[in-house]
Amino acid sequence: MLHFVLNQNAFLLLCQQITGGYYGLGIPILFLRGSSVQKLPDRYRSVSGFGEGKFRSDKWWKAFGESALMSVIKGIAT
Protein backbone atom coordinates (compact mmCIF):
# COMPACT_ATOMS: atom_id res chain seq x y z
CA MET A 1 0.00 0.00 0.00
CA LEU A 2 1.10 3.51 -0.76
CA HIS A 3 1.22 5.72 2.29
CA PHE A 4 1.72 9.40 1.81
CA VAL A 5 1.81 12.50 3.94
CA LEU A 6 -1.00 14.89 3.13
CA ASN A 7 1.03 17.92 2.23
CA GLN A 8 1.19 19.98 -0.92
CA ASN A 9 4.37 18.47 -2.31
CA ALA A 10 3.26 14.87 -1.78
CA PHE A 11 -0.11 15.50 -3.43
CA LEU A 12 1.40 17.14 -6.50
CA LEU A 13 4.16 14.55 -6.79
CA LEU A 14 1.66 11.69 -6.53
CA CYS A 15 -0.54 13.20 -9.25
CA GLN A 16 2.45 13.75 -11.50
CA GLN A 17 3.91 10.28 -11.07
CA ILE A 18 0.73 8.29 -11.43
CA THR A 19 -0.96 10.13 -14.29
CA GLY A 20 2.15 11.34 -16.06
CA GLY A 21 0.97 14.94 -15.84
CA TYR A 22 -1.59 14.49 -18.62
CA TYR A 23 -4.61 15.46 -16.55
CA GLY A 24 -5.78 18.28 -14.32
CA LEU A 25 -6.99 17.55 -10.78
CA GLY A 26 -10.03 15.49 -11.74
CA ILE A 27 -8.41 12.18 -12.75
CA PRO A 28 -5.87 12.13 -9.90
CA ILE A 29 -8.72 12.75 -7.44
CA LEU A 30 -10.73 9.89 -8.94
CA PHE A 31 -7.63 7.71 -8.54
CA LEU A 32 -7.06 8.74 -4.92
CA ARG A 33 -10.68 8.11 -4.03
CA GLY A 34 -10.80 4.73 -5.76
CA SER A 35 -13.54 5.70 -8.17
CA SER A 36 -15.09 3.13 -10.51
CA VAL A 37 -16.31 5.65 -13.11
CA GLN A 38 -15.37 5.08 -16.75
CA LYS A 39 -13.66 8.47 -16.88
CA LEU A 40 -10.74 6.98 -14.93
CA PRO A 41 -8.60 4.86 -17.29
CA ASP A 42 -8.48 1.18 -16.27
CA ARG A 43 -4.68 1.17 -16.19
CA TYR A 44 -4.74 3.26 -12.98
CA ARG A 45 -7.00 0.88 -11.04
CA SER A 46 -4.22 -1.66 -10.47
CA VAL A 47 -1.60 0.90 -9.39
CA SER A 48 -0.55 0.90 -5.75
CA GLY A 49 -2.31 3.73 -3.96
CA PHE A 50 -5.64 3.40 -5.77
CA GLY A 51 -8.32 4.37 -3.26
CA GLU A 52 -5.90 5.49 -0.53
CA GLY A 53 -7.69 8.84 -0.26
CA LYS A 54 -11.23 7.50 -0.02
CA PHE A 55 -11.51 8.74 3.56
CA ARG A 56 -11.83 12.31 2.19
CA SER A 57 -14.65 13.66 0.04
CA ASP A 58 -14.31 14.69 -3.58
CA LYS A 59 -14.98 18.27 -2.54
CA TRP A 60 -12.19 18.15 0.06
CA TRP A 61 -9.65 16.79 -2.46
CA LYS A 62 -10.56 19.46 -5.01
CA ALA A 63 -10.16 22.24 -2.45
CA PHE A 64 -6.89 20.73 -1.24
CA GLY A 65 -5.52 20.36 -4.76
CA GLU A 66 -6.47 23.90 -5.74
CA SER A 67 -4.89 25.24 -2.57
CA ALA A 68 -1.70 23.29 -3.24
CA LEU A 69 -1.50 24.57 -6.80
CA MET A 70 -2.06 28.15 -5.69
CA SER A 71 0.77 27.80 -3.17
CA VAL A 72 3.08 26.55 -5.90
CA ILE A 73 2.07 29.40 -8.21
CA LYS A 74 2.62 31.98 -5.45
CA GLY A 75 6.00 30.43 -4.70
CA ILE A 76 7.05 30.70 -8.34
CA ALA A 77 5.83 34.29 -8.62
CA THR A 78 7.89 35.49 -5.67
PDB file of N, CA and C in Angstrom:
ATOM      1  N   MET A   1       0.833  -1.189   0.000  1.00  0.00           N
ATOM      2  CA  MET A   1       0.000   0.000   0.000  1.00  0.00           C
ATOM      3  C   MET A   1       0.875   1.249   0.000  1.00  0.00           C
ATOM      4  N   LEU A   2       0.397   2.239  -0.703  1.00  0.00           N
ATOM      5  CA  LEU A   2       1.104   3.507  -0.758  1.00  0.00           C
ATOM      6  C   LEU A   2       0.625   4.374   0.391  1.00  0.00           C
ATOM      7  N   HIS A   3       1.558   4.816   1.194  1.00  0.00           N
ATOM      8  CA  HIS A   3       1.218   5.723   2.290  1.00  0.00           C
ATOM      9  C   HIS A   3       1.889   7.047   2.004  1.00  0.00           C
ATOM     10  N   PHE A   4       1.137   8.100   2.097  1.00  0.00           N
ATOM     11  CA  PHE A   4       1.718   9.397   1.805  1.00  0.00           C
ATOM     12  C   PHE A   4       1.272  10.419   2.824  1.00  0.00           C
ATOM     13  N   VAL A   5       2.092  11.407   3.021  1.00  0.00           N
ATOM     14  CA  VAL A   5       1.809  12.502   3.938  1.00  0.00           C
ATOM     15  C   VAL A   5       0.957  13.502   3.178  1.00  0.00           C
ATOM     16  N   LEU A   6      -0.113  13.945   3.807  1.00  0.00           N
ATOM     17  CA  LEU A   6      -0.995  14.885   3.128  1.00  0.00           C
ATOM     18  C   LEU A   6      -0.418  16.297   3.205  1.00  0.00           C
ATOM     19  N   ASN A   7       0.531  16.563   2.364  1.00  0.00           N
ATOM     20  CA  ASN A   7       1.031  17.920   2.231  1.00  0.00           C
ATOM     21  C   ASN A   7       1.050  18.269   0.756  1.00  0.00           C
ATOM     22  N   GLN A   8       1.287  19.503   0.453  1.00  0.00           N
ATOM     23  CA  GLN A   8       1.191  19.977  -0.924  1.00  0.00           C
ATOM     24  C   GLN A   8       2.154  19.252  -1.854  1.00  0.00           C
ATOM     25  N   ASN A   9       3.377  19.097  -1.446  1.00  0.00           N
ATOM     26  CA  ASN A   9       4.366  18.470  -2.310  1.00  0.00           C
ATOM     27  C   ASN A   9       4.027  17.017  -2.594  1.00  0.00           C
ATOM     28  N   ALA A  10       3.592  16.282  -1.586  1.00  0.00           N
ATOM     29  CA  ALA A  10       3.256  14.868  -1.784  1.00  0.00           C
ATOM     30  C   ALA A  10       2.067  14.725  -2.725  1.00  0.00           C
ATOM     31  N   PHE A  11       1.066  15.571  -2.568  1.00  0.00           N
ATOM     32  CA  PHE A  11      -0.109  15.502  -3.435  1.00  0.00           C
ATOM     33  C   PHE A  11       0.268  15.752  -4.886  1.00  0.00           C
ATOM     34  N   LEU A  12       1.023  16.814  -5.135  1.00  0.00           N
ATOM     35  CA  LEU A  12       1.402  17.145  -6.498  1.00  0.00           C
ATOM     36  C   LEU A  12       2.325  16.090  -7.101  1.00  0.00           C
ATOM     37  N   LEU A  13       3.249  15.583  -6.307  1.00  0.00           N
ATOM     38  CA  LEU A  13       4.156  14.551  -6.795  1.00  0.00           C
ATOM     39  C   LEU A  13       3.391  13.275  -7.132  1.00  0.00           C
ATOM     40  N   LEU A  14       2.460  12.890  -6.277  1.00  0.00           N
ATOM     41  CA  LEU A  14       1.658  11.694  -6.525  1.00  0.00           C
ATOM     42  C   LEU A  14       0.870  11.832  -7.825  1.00  0.00           C
ATOM     43  N   CYS A  15       0.230  12.968  -8.022  1.00  0.00           N
ATOM     44  CA  CYS A  15      -0.544  13.196  -9.250  1.00  0.00           C
ATOM     45  C   CYS A  15       0.358  13.139 -10.474  1.00  0.00           C
ATOM     46  N   GLN A  16       1.520  13.725 -10.381  1.00  0.00           N
ATOM     47  CA  GLN A  16       2.448  13.747 -11.502  1.00  0.00           C
ATOM     48  C   GLN A  16       2.949  12.344 -11.831  1.00  0.00           C
ATOM     49  N   GLN A  17       3.356  11.605 -10.842  1.00  0.00           N
ATOM     50  CA  GLN A  17       3.910  10.277 -11.070  1.00  0.00           C
ATOM     51  C   GLN A  17       2.888   9.295 -11.620  1.00  0.00           C
ATOM     52  N   ILE A  18       1.727   9.293 -11.059  1.00  0.00           N
ATOM     53  CA  ILE A  18       0.730   8.292 -11.432  1.00  0.00           C
ATOM     54  C   ILE A  18       0.100   8.573 -12.794  1.00  0.00           C
ATOM     55  N   THR A  19      -0.262   9.814 -13.049  1.00  0.00           N
ATOM     56  CA  THR A  19      -0.958  10.131 -14.291  1.00  0.00           C
ATOM     57  C   THR A  19      -0.046  10.684 -15.370  1.00  0.00           C
ATOM     58  N   GLY A  20       1.215  10.841 -15.069  1.00  0.00           N
ATOM     59  CA  GLY A  20       2.153  11.338 -16.065  1.00  0.00           C
ATOM     60  C   GLY A  20       1.971  12.809 -16.394  1.00  0.00           C
ATOM     61  N   GLY A  21       1.188  13.523 -15.616  1.00  0.00           N
ATOM     62  CA  GLY A  21       0.971  14.944 -15.843  1.00  0.00           C
ATOM     63  C   GLY A  21       0.035  15.265 -16.993  1.00  0.00           C
ATOM     64  N   TYR A  22      -0.707  14.279 -17.475  1.00  0.00           N
ATOM     65  CA  TYR A  22      -1.587  14.490 -18.617  1.00  0.00           C
ATOM     66  C   TYR A  22      -2.959  15.051 -18.246  1.00  0.00           C
ATOM     67  N   TYR A  23      -3.277  15.061 -16.987  1.00  0.00           N
ATOM     68  CA  TYR A  23      -4.614  15.462 -16.552  1.00  0.00           C
ATOM     69  C   TYR A  23      -4.539  16.623 -15.563  1.00  0.00           C
ATOM     70  N   GLY A  24      -5.682  17.254 -15.346  1.00  0.00           N
ATOM     71  CA  GLY A  24      -5.780  18.281 -14.315  1.00  0.00           C
ATOM     72  C   GLY A  24      -5.939  17.598 -12.966  1.00  0.00           C
ATOM     73  N   LEU A  25      -6.773  18.135 -12.110  1.00  0.00           N
ATOM     74  CA  LEU A  25      -6.987  17.553 -10.779  1.00  0.00           C
ATOM     75  C   LEU A  25      -8.017  16.428 -10.782  1.00  0.00           C
ATOM     76  N   GLY A  26      -8.912  16.432 -11.751  1.00  0.00           N
ATOM     77  CA  GLY A  26     -10.034  15.485 -11.741  1.00  0.00           C
ATOM     78  C   GLY A  26      -9.639  14.017 -11.722  1.00  0.00           C
ATOM     79  N   ILE A  27      -8.801  13.590 -12.657  1.00  0.00           N
ATOM     80  CA  ILE A  27      -8.411  12.182 -12.752  1.00  0.00           C
ATOM     81  C   ILE A  27      -7.586  11.741 -11.541  1.00  0.00           C
ATOM     82  N   PRO A  28      -6.593  12.531 -11.113  1.00  0.00           N
ATOM     83  CA  PRO A  28      -5.866  12.129  -9.896  1.00  0.00           C
ATOM     84  C   PRO A  28      -6.774  11.992  -8.670  1.00  0.00           C
ATOM     85  N   ILE A  29      -7.782  12.840  -8.571  1.00  0.00           N
ATOM     86  CA  ILE A  29      -8.716  12.748  -7.440  1.00  0.00           C
ATOM     87  C   ILE A  29      -9.554  11.477  -7.553  1.00  0.00           C
ATOM     88  N   LEU A  30      -9.998  11.148  -8.752  1.00  0.00           N
ATOM     89  CA  LEU A  30     -10.728   9.892  -8.945  1.00  0.00           C
ATOM     90  C   LEU A  30      -9.860   8.705  -8.537  1.00  0.00           C
ATOM     91  N   PHE A  31      -8.577   8.758  -8.911  1.00  0.00           N
ATOM     92  CA  PHE A  31      -7.630   7.711  -8.539  1.00  0.00           C
ATOM     93  C   PHE A  31      -7.493   7.620  -7.017  1.00  0.00           C
ATOM     94  N   LEU A  32      -7.254   8.735  -6.381  1.00  0.00           N
ATOM     95  CA  LEU A  32      -7.055   8.741  -4.922  1.00  0.00           C
ATOM     96  C   LEU A  32      -8.277   8.230  -4.177  1.00  0.00           C
ATOM     97  N   ARG A  33      -9.457   8.533  -4.692  1.00  0.00           N
ATOM     98  CA  ARG A  33     -10.681   8.113  -4.027  1.00  0.00           C
ATOM     99  C   ARG A  33     -11.126   6.711  -4.415  1.00  0.00           C
ATOM    100  N   GLY A  34     -10.455   6.095  -5.372  1.00  0.00           N
ATOM    101  CA  GLY A  34     -10.802   4.732  -5.762  1.00  0.00           C
ATOM    102  C   GLY A  34     -12.079   4.649  -6.562  1.00  0.00           C
ATOM    103  N   SER A  35     -12.310   5.623  -7.397  1.00  0.00           N
ATOM    104  CA  SER A  35     -13.541   5.697  -8.169  1.00  0.00           C
ATOM    105  C   SER A  35     -13.634   4.581  -9.208  1.00  0.00           C
ATOM    106  N   SER A  36     -14.862   4.177  -9.499  1.00  0.00           N
ATOM    107  CA  SER A  36     -15.086   3.134 -10.509  1.00  0.00           C
ATOM    108  C   SER A  36     -15.705   3.713 -11.780  1.00  0.00           C
ATOM    109  N   VAL A  37     -15.728   5.034 -11.921  1.00  0.00           N
ATOM    110  CA  VAL A  37     -16.313   5.651 -13.113  1.00  0.00           C
ATOM    111  C   VAL A  37     -15.448   5.377 -14.336  1.00  0.00           C
ATOM    112  N   GLN A  38     -16.072   5.366 -15.499  1.00  0.00           N
ATOM    113  CA  GLN A  38     -15.368   5.082 -16.749  1.00  0.00           C
ATOM    114  C   GLN A  38     -14.364   6.168 -17.107  1.00  0.00           C
ATOM    115  N   LYS A  39     -14.550   7.348 -16.590  1.00  0.00           N
ATOM    116  CA  LYS A  39     -13.659   8.468 -16.883  1.00  0.00           C
ATOM    117  C   LYS A  39     -12.220   8.178 -16.447  1.00  0.00           C
ATOM    118  N   LEU A  40     -12.059   7.361 -15.420  1.00  0.00           N
ATOM    119  CA  LEU A  40     -10.738   6.984 -14.931  1.00  0.00           C
ATOM    120  C   LEU A  40     -10.233   5.797 -15.752  1.00  0.00           C
ATOM    121  N   PRO A  41      -9.128   5.973 -16.480  1.00  0.00           N
ATOM    122  CA  PRO A  41      -8.603   4.858 -17.288  1.00  0.00           C
ATOM    123  C   PRO A  41      -8.323   3.614 -16.437  1.00  0.00           C
ATOM    124  N   ASP A  42      -8.636   2.451 -16.984  1.00  0.00           N
ATOM    125  CA  ASP A  42      -8.482   1.183 -16.270  1.00  0.00           C
ATOM    126  C   ASP A  42      -7.053   0.927 -15.797  1.00  0.00           C
ATOM    127  N   ARG A  43      -6.075   1.433 -16.542  1.00  0.00           N
ATOM    128  CA  ARG A  43      -4.680   1.166 -16.188  1.00  0.00           C
ATOM    129  C   ARG A  43      -4.299   1.719 -14.818  1.00  0.00           C
ATOM    130  N   TYR A  44      -5.054   2.684 -14.294  1.00  0.00           N
ATOM    131  CA  TYR A  44      -4.739   3.262 -12.977  1.00  0.00           C
ATOM    132  C   TYR A  44      -5.345   2.467 -11.820  1.00  0.00           C
ATOM    133  N   ARG A  45      -6.302   1.621 -12.104  1.00  0.00           N
ATOM    134  CA  ARG A  45      -6.996   0.881 -11.039  1.00  0.00           C
ATOM    135  C   ARG A  45      -6.117  -0.176 -10.362  1.00  0.00           C
ATOM    136  N   SER A  46      -5.096  -0.633 -11.044  1.00  0.00           N
ATOM    137  CA  SER A  46      -4.223  -1.656 -10.466  1.00  0.00           C
ATOM    138  C   SER A  46      -2.940  -1.076  -9.877  1.00  0.00           C
ATOM    139  N   VAL A  47      -2.798   0.239  -9.913  1.00  0.00           N
ATOM    140  CA  VAL A  47      -1.598   0.895  -9.385  1.00  0.00           C
ATOM    141  C   VAL A  47      -1.702   1.013  -7.866  1.00  0.00           C
ATOM    142  N   SER A  48      -0.588   0.759  -7.199  1.00  0.00           N
ATOM    143  CA  SER A  48      -0.554   0.895  -5.747  1.00  0.00           C
ATOM    144  C   SER A  48      -0.950   2.315  -5.356  1.00  0.00           C
ATOM    145  N   GLY A  49      -1.835   2.434  -4.414  1.00  0.00           N
ATOM    146  CA  GLY A  49      -2.310   3.733  -3.963  1.00  0.00           C
ATOM    147  C   GLY A  49      -3.728   4.033  -4.405  1.00  0.00           C
ATOM    148  N   PHE A  50      -4.266   3.212  -5.311  1.00  0.00           N
ATOM    149  CA  PHE A  50      -5.639   3.403  -5.774  1.00  0.00           C
ATOM    150  C   PHE A  50      -6.586   3.307  -4.589  1.00  0.00           C
ATOM    151  N   GLY A  51      -7.342   4.360  -4.348  1.00  0.00           N
ATOM    152  CA  GLY A  51      -8.318   4.371  -3.263  1.00  0.00           C
ATOM    153  C   GLY A  51      -7.769   4.780  -1.901  1.00  0.00           C
ATOM    154  N   GLU A  52      -6.496   5.125  -1.824  1.00  0.00           N
ATOM    155  CA  GLU A  52      -5.903   5.488  -0.535  1.00  0.00           C
ATOM    156  C   GLU A  52      -6.511   6.756   0.066  1.00  0.00           C
ATOM    157  N   GLY A  53      -7.115   7.593  -0.754  1.00  0.00           N
ATOM    158  CA  GLY A  53      -7.692   8.840  -0.258  1.00  0.00           C
ATOM    159  C   GLY A  53      -9.199   8.803  -0.131  1.00  0.00           C
ATOM    160  N   LYS A  54      -9.768   7.605  -0.058  1.00  0.00           N
ATOM    161  CA  LYS A  54     -11.234   7.495  -0.017  1.00  0.00           C
ATOM    162  C   LYS A  54     -11.843   8.009   1.285  1.00  0.00           C
ATOM    163  N   PHE A  55     -11.015   8.237   2.277  1.00  0.00           N
ATOM    164  CA  PHE A  55     -11.510   8.742   3.562  1.00  0.00           C
ATOM    165  C   PHE A  55     -11.859  10.225   3.501  1.00  0.00           C
ATOM    166  N   ARG A  56     -11.507  10.892   2.398  1.00  0.00           N
ATOM    167  CA  ARG A  56     -11.832  12.309   2.194  1.00  0.00           C
ATOM    168  C   ARG A  56     -12.828  12.427   1.043  1.00  0.00           C
ATOM    169  N   SER A  57     -13.653  13.457   1.087  1.00  0.00           N
ATOM    170  CA  SER A  57     -14.651  13.662   0.038  1.00  0.00           C
ATOM    171  C   SER A  57     -14.013  14.233  -1.223  1.00  0.00           C
ATOM    172  N   ASP A  58     -14.737  14.123  -2.311  1.00  0.00           N
ATOM    173  CA  ASP A  58     -14.308  14.692  -3.582  1.00  0.00           C
ATOM    174  C   ASP A  58     -14.115  16.205  -3.438  1.00  0.00           C
ATOM    175  N   LYS A  59     -15.042  16.819  -2.765  1.00  0.00           N
ATOM    176  CA  LYS A  59     -14.983  18.270  -2.542  1.00  0.00           C
ATOM    177  C   LYS A  59     -13.726  18.647  -1.757  1.00  0.00           C
ATOM    178  N   TRP A  60     -13.388  17.873  -0.751  1.00  0.00           N
ATOM    179  CA  TRP A  60     -12.189  18.149   0.058  1.00  0.00           C
ATOM    180  C   TRP A  60     -10.935  18.044  -0.797  1.00  0.00           C
ATOM    181  N   TRP A  61     -10.823  16.982  -1.612  1.00  0.00           N
ATOM    182  CA  TRP A  61      -9.647  16.793  -2.462  1.00  0.00           C
ATOM    183  C   TRP A  61      -9.505  17.915  -3.472  1.00  0.00           C
ATOM    184  N   LYS A  62     -10.620  18.363  -4.045  1.00  0.00           N
ATOM    185  CA  LYS A  62     -10.565  19.462  -5.012  1.00  0.00           C
ATOM    186  C   LYS A  62     -10.074  20.742  -4.353  1.00  0.00           C
ATOM    187  N   ALA A  63     -10.596  21.041  -3.179  1.00  0.00           N
ATOM    188  CA  ALA A  63     -10.156  22.244  -2.454  1.00  0.00           C
ATOM    189  C   ALA A  63      -8.682  22.124  -2.065  1.00  0.00           C
ATOM    190  N   PHE A  64      -8.286  20.955  -1.612  1.00  0.00           N
ATOM    191  CA  PHE A  64      -6.894  20.725  -1.236  1.00  0.00           C
ATOM    192  C   PHE A  64      -5.969  20.876  -2.434  1.00  0.00           C
ATOM    193  N   GLY A  65      -6.325  20.280  -3.548  1.00  0.00           N
ATOM    194  CA  GLY A  65      -5.516  20.363  -4.755  1.00  0.00           C
ATOM    195  C   GLY A  65      -5.397  21.776  -5.279  1.00  0.00           C
ATOM    196  N   GLU A  66      -6.497  22.510  -5.287  1.00  0.00           N
ATOM    197  CA  GLU A  66      -6.470  23.897  -5.738  1.00  0.00           C
ATOM    198  C   GLU A  66      -5.615  24.755  -4.822  1.00  0.00           C
ATOM    199  N   SER A  67      -5.717  24.514  -3.538  1.00  0.00           N
ATOM    200  CA  SER A  67      -4.895  25.243  -2.569  1.00  0.00           C
ATOM    201  C   SER A  67      -3.410  24.940  -2.776  1.00  0.00           C
ATOM    202  N   ALA A  68      -3.091  23.688  -3.012  1.00  0.00           N
ATOM    203  CA  ALA A  68      -1.703  23.293  -3.241  1.00  0.00           C
ATOM    204  C   ALA A  68      -1.153  23.944  -4.501  1.00  0.00           C
ATOM    205  N   LEU A  69      -1.949  23.949  -5.560  1.00  0.00           N
ATOM    206  CA  LEU A  69      -1.504  24.568  -6.803  1.00  0.00           C
ATOM    207  C   LEU A  69      -1.316  26.074  -6.650  1.00  0.00           C
ATOM    208  N   MET A  70      -2.194  26.708  -5.911  1.00  0.00           N
ATOM    209  CA  MET A  70      -2.055  28.147  -5.689  1.00  0.00           C
ATOM    210  C   MET A  70      -0.801  28.455  -4.898  1.00  0.00           C
ATOM    211  N   SER A  71      -0.462  27.614  -3.945  1.00  0.00           N
ATOM    212  CA  SER A  71       0.766  27.800  -3.173  1.00  0.00           C
ATOM    213  C   SER A  71       1.994  27.690  -4.058  1.00  0.00           C
ATOM    214  N   VAL A  72       1.958  26.729  -4.972  1.00  0.00           N
ATOM    215  CA  VAL A  72       3.081  26.553  -5.899  1.00  0.00           C
ATOM    216  C   VAL A  72       3.189  27.779  -6.803  1.00  0.00           C
ATOM    217  N   ILE A  73       2.066  28.241  -7.320  1.00  0.00           N
ATOM    218  CA  ILE A  73       2.067  29.402  -8.210  1.00  0.00           C
ATOM    219  C   ILE A  73       2.582  30.640  -7.468  1.00  0.00           C
ATOM    220  N   LYS A  74       2.149  30.832  -6.242  1.00  0.00           N
ATOM    221  CA  LYS A  74       2.621  31.977  -5.446  1.00  0.00           C
ATOM    222  C   LYS A  74       4.117  31.861  -5.180  1.00  0.00           C
ATOM    223  N   GLY A  75       4.580  30.645  -4.938  1.00  0.00           N
ATOM    224  CA  GLY A  75       6.000  30.430  -4.697  1.00  0.00           C
ATOM    225  C   GLY A  75       6.853  30.732  -5.914  1.00  0.00           C
ATOM    226  N   ILE A  76       6.336  30.434  -7.083  1.00  0.00           N
ATOM    227  CA  ILE A  76       7.049  30.703  -8.339  1.00  0.00           C
ATOM    228  C   ILE A  76       7.056  32.204  -8.634  1.00  0.00           C
ATOM    229  N   ALA A  77       5.964  32.866  -8.315  1.00  0.00           N
ATOM    230  CA  ALA A  77       5.831  34.289  -8.619  1.00  0.00           C
ATOM    231  C   ALA A  77       6.700  35.167  -7.722  1.00  0.00           C
ATOM    232  N   THR A  78       7.093  34.660  -6.579  1.00  0.00           N
ATOM    233  CA  THR A  78       7.895  35.493  -5.667  1.00  0.00           C
ATOM    234  C   THR A  78       9.367  35.279  -5.838  1.00  0.00           C
TER     235      THR A  78
END
